[in-house]
PDB file of N, CA and C in Angstrom:
ATOM      1  N   UNK A   1       4.240  13.546  -5.349  1.00  0.00           N
ATOM      2  CA  UNK A   1       3.630  12.361  -4.996  1.00  0.00           C
ATOM      3  C   UNK A   1       5.976  13.197  -4.485  1.00  0.00           C
ATOM      4  N   UNK A   2       6.360  13.318  -3.154  1.00  0.00           N
ATOM      5  CA  UNK A   2       7.496  13.653  -3.037  1.00  0.00           C
ATOM      6  C   UNK A   2       8.422  12.281  -2.685  1.00  0.00           C
ATOM      7  N   UNK A   3       9.814  11.761  -2.782  1.00  0.00           N
ATOM      8  CA  UNK A   3      10.713  11.116  -2.613  1.00  0.00           C
ATOM      9  C   UNK A   3      10.756  10.476  -1.030  1.00  0.00           C
ATOM     10  N   UNK A   4      11.007   9.669  -0.671  1.00  0.00           N
ATOM     11  CA  UNK A   4      10.831   9.358   0.924  1.00  0.00           C
ATOM     12  C   UNK A   4      12.688   9.321   1.007  1.00  0.00           C
ATOM     13  N   UNK A   5      12.851   9.984   1.014  1.00  0.00           N
ATOM     14  CA  UNK A   5      14.837   9.682   1.473  1.00  0.00           C
ATOM     15  C   UNK A   5      15.406   8.880   2.263  1.00  0.00           C
ATOM     16  N   UNK A   6      14.356   8.162   3.560  1.00  0.00           N
ATOM     17  CA  UNK A   6      14.942   7.083   4.347  1.00  0.00           C
ATOM     18  C   UNK A   6      14.415   5.941   4.111  1.00  0.00           C
ATOM     19  N   UNK A   7      13.574   5.842   3.360  1.00  0.00           N
ATOM     20  CA  UNK A   7      13.506   4.510   2.890  1.00  0.00           C
ATOM     21  C   UNK A   7      13.229   4.827   1.363  1.00  0.00           C
ATOM     22  N   UNK A   8      14.269   4.695   0.902  1.00  0.00           N
ATOM     23  CA  UNK A   8      14.478   4.688  -0.521  1.00  0.00           C
ATOM     24  C   UNK A   8      13.863   2.984  -1.496  1.00  0.00           C
ATOM     25  N   UNK A   9      13.365   3.411  -3.058  1.00  0.00           N
ATOM     26  CA  UNK A   9      12.554   1.960  -3.572  1.00  0.00           C
ATOM     27  C   UNK A   9      13.394   1.675  -4.663  1.00  0.00           C
ATOM     28  N   UNK A  10      14.602   2.700  -5.399  1.00  0.00           N
ATOM     29  CA  UNK A  10      15.816   2.385  -6.104  1.00  0.00           C
ATOM     30  C   UNK A  10      16.854   2.383  -5.937  1.00  0.00           C
ATOM     31  N   UNK A  11      17.786   1.922  -6.427  1.00  0.00           N
ATOM     32  CA  UNK A  11      19.202   1.524  -5.954  1.00  0.00           C
ATOM     33  C   UNK A  11      19.849   2.985  -5.796  1.00  0.00           C
ATOM     34  N   UNK A  12      19.637   3.606  -7.112  1.00  0.00           N
ATOM     35  CA  UNK A  12      20.028   4.926  -7.033  1.00  0.00           C
ATOM     36  C   UNK A  12      19.836   5.504  -5.229  1.00  0.00           C
ATOM     37  N   UNK A  13      18.429   6.003  -5.253  1.00  0.00           N
ATOM     38  CA  UNK A  13      17.262   6.493  -4.092  1.00  0.00           C
ATOM     39  C   UNK A  13      18.449   6.274  -2.833  1.00  0.00           C
ATOM     40  N   UNK A  14      19.198   4.665  -2.945  1.00  0.00           N
ATOM     41  CA  UNK A  14      19.645   4.274  -1.530  1.00  0.00           C
ATOM     42  C   UNK A  14      20.775   4.507  -1.943  1.00  0.00           C
ATOM     43  N   UNK A  15      21.890   4.352  -2.628  1.00  0.00           N
ATOM     44  CA  UNK A  15      23.097   4.945  -2.575  1.00  0.00           C
ATOM     45  C   UNK A  15      23.001   6.953  -2.521  1.00  0.00           C
ATOM     46  N   UNK A  16      21.883   7.432  -2.592  1.00  0.00           N
ATOM     47  CA  UNK A  16      21.684   8.855  -2.640  1.00  0.00           C
ATOM     48  C   UNK A  16      21.403   9.124  -1.188  1.00  0.00           C
ATOM     49  N   UNK A  17      20.992   8.737  -0.542  1.00  0.00           N
ATOM     50  CA  UNK A  17      20.354   7.937   1.081  1.00  0.00           C
ATOM     51  C   UNK A  17      21.706   8.000   1.658  1.00  0.00           C
ATOM     52  N   UNK A  18      22.097   6.716   1.565  1.00  0.00           N
ATOM     53  CA  UNK A  18      23.281   6.776   2.174  1.00  0.00           C
ATOM     54  C   UNK A  18      24.597   7.572   2.299  1.00  0.00           C
ATOM     55  N   UNK A  19      25.146   8.363   1.073  1.00  0.00           N
ATOM     56  CA  UNK A  19      25.731   9.812   0.742  1.00  0.00           C
ATOM     57  C   UNK A  19      25.036  10.676   1.730  1.00  0.00           C
ATOM     58  N   UNK A  20      23.881  10.377   1.780  1.00  0.00           N
ATOM     59  CA  UNK A  20      23.796  11.810   2.786  1.00  0.00           C
ATOM     60  C   UNK A  20      23.816  11.489   4.160  1.00  0.00           C
ATOM     61  N   UNK A  21      23.493   9.962   4.425  1.00  0.00           N
ATOM     62  CA  UNK A  21      23.461   9.919   5.551  1.00  0.00           C
ATOM     63  C   UNK A  21      24.996  10.202   6.535  1.00  0.00           C
ATOM     64  N   UNK A  22      26.023   9.697   5.489  1.00  0.00           N
ATOM     65  CA  UNK A  22      27.687   9.792   5.514  1.00  0.00           C
ATOM     66  C   UNK A  22      27.670  10.890   6.166  1.00  0.00           C
ATOM     67  N   UNK A  23      27.504  11.802   4.723  1.00  0.00           N
ATOM     68  CA  UNK A  23      27.907  13.296   4.554  1.00  0.00           C
ATOM     69  C   UNK A  23      26.522  14.154   5.114  1.00  0.00           C
ATOM     70  N   UNK A  24      26.466  14.277   5.738  1.00  0.00           N
ATOM     71  CA  UNK A  24      25.101  15.078   6.173  1.00  0.00           C
ATOM     72  C   UNK A  24      25.006  16.746   6.088  1.00  0.00           C
ATOM     73  N   UNK A  25      26.565  17.191   6.217  1.00  0.00           N
ATOM     74  CA  UNK A  25      26.191  18.363   5.311  1.00  0.00           C
ATOM     75  C   UNK A  25      26.880  18.753   3.982  1.00  0.00           C
ATOM     76  N   UNK A  26      27.317  17.697   3.071  1.00  0.00           N
ATOM     77  CA  UNK A  26      27.524  17.922   1.887  1.00  0.00           C
ATOM     78  C   UNK A  26      26.686  18.621   1.285  1.00  0.00           C
ATOM     79  N   UNK A  27      25.437  18.071   0.783  1.00  0.00           N
ATOM     80  CA  UNK A  27      23.824  18.391   0.990  1.00  0.00           C
ATOM     81  C   UNK A  27      22.998  19.303   0.921  1.00  0.00           C
ATOM     82  N   UNK A  28      22.880  20.190   1.008  1.00  0.00           N
ATOM     83  CA  UNK A  28      21.804  20.968   1.550  1.00  0.00           C
ATOM     84  C   UNK A  28      20.597  21.064   0.442  1.00  0.00           C
ATOM     85  N   UNK A  29      19.283  21.196   1.514  1.00  0.00           N
ATOM     86  CA  UNK A  29      18.119  20.629   1.195  1.00  0.00           C
ATOM     87  C   UNK A  29      17.942  21.853  -0.306  1.00  0.00           C
ATOM     88  N   UNK A  30      16.684  20.779  -0.708  1.00  0.00           N
ATOM     89  CA  UNK A  30      16.473  21.285  -2.243  1.00  0.00           C
ATOM     90  C   UNK A  30      15.257  22.109  -2.187  1.00  0.00           C
ATOM     91  N   UNK A  31      14.635  21.605  -1.251  1.00  0.00           N
ATOM     92  CA  UNK A  31      13.019  22.600  -0.289  1.00  0.00           C
ATOM     93  C   UNK A  31      13.387  22.317   0.931  1.00  0.00           C
ATOM     94  N   UNK A  32      12.319  23.484   1.006  1.00  0.00           N
ATOM     95  CA  UNK A  32      11.923  23.223   2.354  1.00  0.00           C
ATOM     96  C   UNK A  32      10.862  22.427   3.149  1.00  0.00           C
ATOM     97  N   UNK A  33      10.336  22.358   4.019  1.00  0.00           N
ATOM     98  CA  UNK A  33       9.547  21.609   4.783  1.00  0.00           C
ATOM     99  C   UNK A  33       8.779  22.642   5.204  1.00  0.00           C
ATOM    100  N   UNK A  34       7.548  23.117   4.896  1.00  0.00           N
ATOM    101  CA  UNK A  34       7.260  24.069   5.693  1.00  0.00           C
ATOM    102  C   UNK A  34       5.675  23.952   7.030  1.00  0.00           C
ATOM    103  N   UNK A  35       5.656  22.652   6.725  1.00  0.00           N
ATOM    104  CA  UNK A  35       4.831  22.455   8.347  1.00  0.00           C
ATOM    105  C   UNK A  35       5.925  22.148   9.292  1.00  0.00           C
ATOM    106  N   UNK A  36       7.075  21.883   8.778  1.00  0.00           N
ATOM    107  CA  UNK A  36       7.928  21.520   9.930  1.00  0.00           C
ATOM    108  C   UNK A  36       8.528  22.351  10.509  1.00  0.00           C
ATOM    109  N   UNK A  37       8.675  23.364   9.667  1.00  0.00           N
ATOM    110  CA  UNK A  37       9.225  24.337  10.411  1.00  0.00           C
ATOM    111  C   UNK A  37       8.530  25.833  10.741  1.00  0.00           C
ATOM    112  N   UNK A  38       6.866  25.392  10.641  1.00  0.00           N
ATOM    113  CA  UNK A  38       5.967  26.143  10.999  1.00  0.00           C
ATOM    114  C   UNK A  38       5.664  26.457  12.941  1.00  0.00           C
ATOM    115  N   UNK A  39       6.536  24.645  13.178  1.00  0.00           N
ATOM    116  CA  UNK A  39       6.181  24.309  14.129  1.00  0.00           C
ATOM    117  C   UNK A  39       6.389  25.689  15.167  1.00  0.00           C
ATOM    118  N   UNK A  40       5.744  26.173  16.259  1.00  0.00           N
ATOM    119  CA  UNK A  40       6.672  26.659  17.602  1.00  0.00           C
ATOM    120  C   UNK A  40       6.408  26.729  18.936  1.00  0.00           C
ATOM    121  N   UNK A  41       8.041  26.030  18.976  1.00  0.00           N
ATOM    122  CA  UNK A  41       7.145  25.823  20.607  1.00  0.00           C
ATOM    123  C   UNK A  41       7.124  26.576  21.725  1.00  0.00           C
ATOM    124  N   UNK A  42       6.301  26.384  23.189  1.00  0.00           N
ATOM    125  CA  UNK A  42       6.499  27.406  24.088  1.00  0.00           C
ATOM    126  C   UNK A  42       7.631  27.618  24.424  1.00  0.00           C
ATOM    127  N   UNK A  43       7.758  28.893  25.821  1.00  0.00           N
ATOM    128  CA  UNK A  43       9.342  28.318  26.264  1.00  0.00           C
ATOM    129  C   UNK A  43       9.065  27.258  27.592  1.00  0.00           C
ATOM    130  N   UNK A  44      10.472  26.667  28.156  1.00  0.00           N
ATOM    131  CA  UNK A  44      10.084  25.540  29.229  1.00  0.00           C
ATOM    132  C   UNK A  44       9.835  26.392  30.537  1.00  0.00           C
ATOM    133  N   UNK A  45       8.873  26.119  31.046  1.00  0.00           N
ATOM    134  CA  UNK A  45       8.819  26.261  32.418  1.00  0.00           C
ATOM    135  C   UNK A  45       8.597  25.030  33.209  1.00  0.00           C
ATOM    136  N   UNK A  46       9.871  25.537  33.818  1.00  0.00           N
ATOM    137  CA  UNK A  46       9.506  24.149  35.166  1.00  0.00           C
ATOM    138  C   UNK A  46       8.734  23.867  35.977  1.00  0.00           C
ATOM    139  N   UNK A  47       8.167  22.735  36.665  1.00  0.00           N
ATOM    140  CA  UNK A  47       7.414  22.188  37.468  1.00  0.00           C
ATOM    141  C   UNK A  47       7.956  22.783  38.758  1.00  0.00           C
ATOM    142  N   UNK A  48       9.015  22.225  39.177  1.00  0.00           N
ATOM    143  CA  UNK A  48       9.575  21.807  40.681  1.00  0.00           C
ATOM    144  C   UNK A  48      10.797  23.326  40.902  1.00  0.00           C
TER     145      UNK A  48
END
């Protein structure tokens, strides 16, 4: 099971989440999310 960063269940996890939200560039991600990065969107073509 993974850690849910937006819904922490411990005081330490809450502290880490708040720190991450206050300083988004301070911590690089520890691992990627392959399912999220595998998404490829089609080129935008306006209908009008």
